[in-house]
C-alpha atoms as a PDB file:
ATOM      1  CA  UNK A   1     -29.650  -5.576   8.500  1.00  0.00           C
ATOM      2  CA  UNK A   2     -25.973  -5.232   8.926  1.00  0.00           C
ATOM      3  CA  UNK A   3     -24.475  -1.840   9.129  1.00  0.00           C
ATOM      4  CA  UNK A   4     -20.753  -1.289   9.204  1.00  0.00           C
ATOM      5  CA  UNK A   5     -19.076   1.894  10.257  1.00  0.00           C
ATOM      6  CA  UNK A   6     -17.428   3.715   7.741  1.00  0.00           C
ATOM      7  CA  UNK A   7     -14.357   4.431   9.575  1.00  0.00           C
ATOM      8  CA  UNK A   8     -13.690   0.774  10.010  1.00  0.00           C
ATOM      9  CA  UNK A   9     -13.252  -0.047   6.354  1.00  0.00           C
ATOM     10  CA  UNK A  10     -10.327   0.988   3.888  1.00  0.00           C
ATOM     11  CA  UNK A  11     -11.376   4.140   1.755  1.00  0.00           C
ATOM     12  CA  UNK A  12     -10.732   1.996  -1.222  1.00  0.00           C
ATOM     13  CA  UNK A  13     -14.174   0.587  -0.492  1.00  0.00           C
ATOM     14  CA  UNK A  14     -15.916   3.814   0.527  1.00  0.00           C
ATOM     15  CA  UNK A  15     -15.837   6.005  -2.575  1.00  0.00           C
ATOM     16  CA  UNK A  16     -14.323   6.707  -5.826  1.00  0.00           C
ATOM     17  CA  UNK A  17     -12.481   9.892  -5.898  1.00  0.00           C
ATOM     18  CA  UNK A  18     -13.747  12.467  -8.209  1.00  0.00           C
ATOM     19  CA  UNK A  19     -11.922  14.900 -10.195  1.00  0.00           C
ATOM     20  CA  UNK A  20      -8.724  13.307  -9.778  1.00  0.00           C
ATOM     21  CA  UNK A  21      -6.299  11.804 -12.195  1.00  0.00           C
ATOM     22  CA  UNK A  22      -7.004   8.244 -13.038  1.00  0.00           C
ATOM     23  CA  UNK A  23      -5.980   5.893 -10.735  1.00  0.00           C
ATOM     24  CA  UNK A  24      -4.852   2.158 -11.861  1.00  0.00           C
ATOM     25  CA  UNK A  25      -5.236  -0.603  -9.502  1.00  0.00           C
ATOM     26  CA  UNK A  26      -2.400  -2.875 -10.052  1.00  0.00           C
ATOM     27  CA  UNK A  27      -0.154  -5.478  -8.421  1.00  0.00           C
ATOM     28  CA  UNK A  28       3.513  -5.429  -7.650  1.00  0.00           C
ATOM     29  CA  UNK A  29       3.689  -8.383 -10.134  1.00  0.00           C
ATOM     30  CA  UNK A  30       2.395  -5.963 -12.935  1.00  0.00           C
ATOM     31  CA  UNK A  31       4.629  -3.263 -12.070  1.00  0.00           C
ATOM     32  CA  UNK A  32       7.798  -5.628 -11.886  1.00  0.00           C
ATOM     33  CA  UNK A  33       6.857  -7.200 -15.260  1.00  0.00           C
ATOM     34  CA  UNK A  34       5.418  -4.532 -17.101  1.00  0.00           C
ATOM     35  CA  UNK A  35       6.779  -1.115 -15.692  1.00  0.00           C
ATOM     36  CA  UNK A  36       6.647   0.623 -19.170  1.00  0.00           C
ATOM     37  CA  UNK A  37       2.634   0.475 -18.877  1.00  0.00           C
ATOM     38  CA  UNK A  38       2.627   2.185 -15.414  1.00  0.00           C
ATOM     39  CA  UNK A  39       5.614   4.594 -15.831  1.00  0.00           C
ATOM     40  CA  UNK A  40       4.343   8.100 -14.337  1.00  0.00           C
ATOM     41  CA  UNK A  41       0.937   7.052 -13.615  1.00  0.00           C
ATOM     42  CA  UNK A  42      -0.964   7.312 -10.511  1.00  0.00           C
ATOM     43  CA  UNK A  43      -1.591   3.827  -8.970  1.00  0.00           C
ATOM     44  CA  UNK A  44      -2.926   2.058  -5.855  1.00  0.00           C
ATOM     45  CA  UNK A  45      -1.011  -1.083  -4.646  1.00  0.00           C
ATOM     46  CA  UNK A  46      -1.526  -3.446  -2.083  1.00  0.00           C
ATOM     47  CA  UNK A  47       1.523  -5.072  -0.391  1.00  0.00           C
ATOM     48  CA  UNK A  48       3.745  -5.439   2.827  1.00  0.00           C
ATOM     49  CA  UNK A  49       5.478  -2.516   3.955  1.00  0.00           C
ATOM     50  CA  UNK A  50       8.820  -2.142   5.385  1.00  0.00           C
ATOM     51  CA  UNK A  51      10.144   1.227   6.367  1.00  0.00           C
ATOM     52  CA  UNK A  52      13.712   1.023   7.989  1.00  0.00           C
ATOM     53  CA  UNK A  53      17.159   2.301   7.567  1.00  0.00           C
ATOM     54  CA  UNK A  54      16.624   4.130   4.184  1.00  0.00           C
ATOM     55  CA  UNK A  55      15.287   0.939   2.666  1.00  0.00           C
ATOM     56  CA  UNK A  56      11.692   2.046   2.556  1.00  0.00           C
ATOM     57  CA  UNK A  57       9.942  -0.456   0.399  1.00  0.00           C
ATOM     58  CA  UNK A  58       6.401  -2.361  -0.206  1.00  0.00           C
ATOM     59  CA  UNK A  59       6.966  -5.852  -0.983  1.00  0.00           C
ATOM     60  CA  UNK A  60       4.801  -8.582  -2.654  1.00  0.00           C
ATOM     61  CA  UNK A  61       4.698 -10.774   0.391  1.00  0.00           C
ATOM     62  CA  UNK A  62       5.590 -10.565   4.194  1.00  0.00           C
ATOM     63  CA  UNK A  63       8.065 -13.374   3.314  1.00  0.00           C
ATOM     64  CA  UNK A  64       9.707 -11.451   0.768  1.00  0.00           C
ATOM     65  CA  UNK A  65      10.284  -8.741   3.386  1.00  0.00           C
ATOM     66  CA  UNK A  66      11.306 -11.431   6.166  1.00  0.00           C
ATOM     67  CA  UNK A  67      14.006 -12.804   3.593  1.00  0.00           C
ATOM     68  CA  UNK A  68      15.122  -9.667   1.946  1.00  0.00           C
ATOM     69  CA  UNK A  69      13.998 -10.694  -1.461  1.00  0.00           C
ATOM     70  CA  UNK A  70      14.098  -6.932  -2.755  1.00  0.00           C
ATOM     71  CA  UNK A  71      13.674  -8.014  -6.318  1.00  0.00           C
ATOM     72  CA  UNK A  72      10.120  -8.430  -5.135  1.00  0.00           C
ATOM     73  CA  UNK A  73       9.671  -4.879  -3.790  1.00  0.00           C
ATOM     74  CA  UNK A  74       9.249  -1.266  -4.947  1.00  0.00           C
ATOM     75  CA  UNK A  75      10.870   1.593  -3.176  1.00  0.00           C
ATOM     76  CA  UNK A  76       9.044   4.210  -1.543  1.00  0.00           C
ATOM     77  CA  UNK A  77       9.953   7.947  -1.419  1.00  0.00           C
ATOM     78  CA  UNK A  78       8.129   9.016   1.650  1.00  0.00           C
ATOM     79  CA  UNK A  79       8.087  12.150   3.554  1.00  0.00           C
ATOM     80  CA  UNK A  80       9.415  12.459   6.929  1.00  0.00           C
ATOM     81  CA  UNK A  81       5.741  12.830   8.471  1.00  0.00           C
ATOM     82  CA  UNK A  82       4.698   9.832   6.541  1.00  0.00           C
ATOM     83  CA  UNK A  83       7.651   7.776   8.021  1.00  0.00           C
ATOM     84  CA  UNK A  84       6.523   8.701  11.379  1.00  0.00           C
ATOM     85  CA  UNK A  85       2.898   7.843  10.938  1.00  0.00           C
ATOM     86  CA  UNK A  86       4.009   4.423   9.247  1.00  0.00           C
ATOM     87  CA  UNK A  87       6.204   3.678  12.509  1.00  0.00           C
ATOM     88  CA  UNK A  88       3.219   4.153  14.676  1.00  0.00           C
ATOM     89  CA  UNK A  89       0.917   1.610  13.437  1.00  0.00           C
ATOM     90  CA  UNK A  90       1.261   0.503   9.640  1.00  0.00           C
ATOM     91  CA  UNK A  91       4.667  -0.664   9.626  1.00  0.00           C
ATOM     92  CA  UNK A  92       5.496  -4.453   8.847  1.00  0.00           C
ATOM     93  CA  UNK A  93       1.869  -5.226   7.932  1.00  0.00           C
ATOM     94  CA  UNK A  94      -0.120  -5.219   4.654  1.00  0.00           C
ATOM     95  CA  UNK A  95      -1.398  -1.678   3.490  1.00  0.00           C
ATOM     96  CA  UNK A  96      -3.046  -0.012   0.439  1.00  0.00           C
ATOM     97  CA  UNK A  97      -0.931   2.790  -1.027  1.00  0.00           C
ATOM     98  CA  UNK A  98      -1.410   5.339  -3.600  1.00  0.00           C
ATOM     99  CA  UNK A  99       1.165   7.173  -5.526  1.00  0.00           C
ATOM    100  CA  UNK A 100       3.111   7.769  -8.773  1.00  0.00           C
ATOM    101  CA  UNK A 101       5.092   4.838 -10.146  1.00  0.00           C
ATOM    102  CA  UNK A 102       8.492   5.713 -11.678  1.00  0.00           C
ATOM    103  CA  UNK A 103      10.182   2.814 -13.094  1.00  0.00           C
ATOM    104  CA  UNK A 104      13.673   4.697 -13.255  1.00  0.00           C
ATOM    105  CA  UNK A 105      14.303   6.562  -9.901  1.00  0.00           C
ATOM    106  CA  UNK A 106      15.425   4.768  -7.129  1.00  0.00           C
ATOM    107  CA  UNK A 107      18.162   5.327  -4.660  1.00  0.00           C
ATOM    108  CA  UNK A 108      19.402   1.835  -4.992  1.00  0.00           C
ATOM    109  CA  UNK A 109      18.985   0.951  -8.619  1.00  0.00           C
ATOM    110  CA  UNK A 110      20.503  -2.636  -8.055  1.00  0.00           C
ATOM    111  CA  UNK A 111      17.945  -3.612  -5.382  1.00  0.00           C
ATOM    112  CA  UNK A 112      14.467  -2.388  -6.210  1.00  0.00           C
ATOM    113  CA  UNK A 113      12.084  -2.357  -9.259  1.00  0.00           C
ATOM    114  CA  UNK A 114      11.354   1.272  -9.521  1.00  0.00           C
ATOM    115  CA  UNK A 115       9.884   3.539  -7.056  1.00  0.00           C
ATOM    116  CA  UNK A 116       6.401   5.136  -5.821  1.00  0.00           C
ATOM    117  CA  UNK A 117       6.689   8.680  -5.289  1.00  0.00           C
ATOM    118  CA  UNK A 118       4.325  11.513  -4.472  1.00  0.00           C
ATOM    119  CA  UNK A 119       2.425   9.044  -2.163  1.00  0.00           C
ATOM    120  CA  UNK A 120      -1.003  10.509  -1.069  1.00  0.00           C
ATOM    121  CA  UNK A 121      -2.436   7.686   0.561  1.00  0.00           C
ATOM    122  CA  UNK A 122      -1.477   4.745   3.024  1.00  0.00           C
ATOM    123  CA  UNK A 123      -3.866   2.912   4.890  1.00  0.00           C
ATOM    124  CA  UNK A 124      -4.038  -0.479   6.546  1.00  0.00           C
ATOM    125  CA  UNK A 125      -5.290  -3.276   4.508  1.00  0.00           C
ATOM    126  CA  UNK A 126      -7.616  -5.342   6.692  1.00  0.00           C
ATOM    127  CA  UNK A 127      -7.207  -9.118   6.914  1.00  0.00           C
ATOM    128  CA  UNK A 128     -10.158 -11.356   6.577  1.00  0.00           C
ATOM    129  CA  UNK A 129      -9.923 -11.857  10.387  1.00  0.00           C
ATOM    130  CA  UNK A 130      -9.942  -8.136  11.169  1.00  0.00           C
ATOM    131  CA  UNK A 131     -13.078  -7.763   8.747  1.00  0.00           C
ATOM    132  CA  UNK A 132     -14.743 -10.657  10.422  1.00  0.00           C
ATOM    133  CA  UNK A 133     -14.028  -9.066  13.866  1.00  0.00           C
ATOM    134  CA  UNK A 134     -15.668  -5.678  12.585  1.00  0.00           C
ATOM    135  CA  UNK A 135     -18.487  -7.535  11.106  1.00  0.00           C
ATOM    136  CA  UNK A 136     -19.092  -9.338  14.473  1.00  0.00           C
ATOM    137  CA  UNK A 137     -18.727  -6.234  16.659  1.00  0.00           C
ATOM    138  CA  UNK A 138     -21.375  -4.285  14.183  1.00  0.00           C
ATOM    139  CA  UNK A 139     -23.927  -7.075  14.554  1.00  0.00           C
ATOM    140  CA  UNK A 140     -23.499  -6.855  18.354  1.00  0.00           C
ATOM    141  CA  UNK A 141     -24.032  -3.314  18.304  1.00  0.00           C
ATOM    142  CA  UNK A 142     -26.932  -3.578  15.688  1.00  0.00           C
ATOM    143  CA  UNK A 143     -28.876  -6.335  17.798  1.00  0.00           C
END
């Protein structure tokens, strides 16, 4: 039997939040192409985060960030404490993020496709190799 440490997995896999507003699991593609469907709703989104120089955003792909394709991104309205947390371990990697999508409100209307505000969760999204390593470590512990 394989046992995984709960702290090793993203909260997305661990439990459904009870008693909270309905959360929509969506892709950045959905937000860009059908913003009216998700306007002012709570969403879970996975993407590549880049927080720097007032251009805080989540991108569809790492390559979109690297090539400055802000058309494939959503602006993030982050608290200063969240920015500090991101700078120490979450910046420039894939994350899962939870917040309220707003199709209209951005600091740079010409750059981004809306924003995510009231962000209540930012966790690293584990790559396949990271999951494999955790699985192997757990197998060693359990043998």
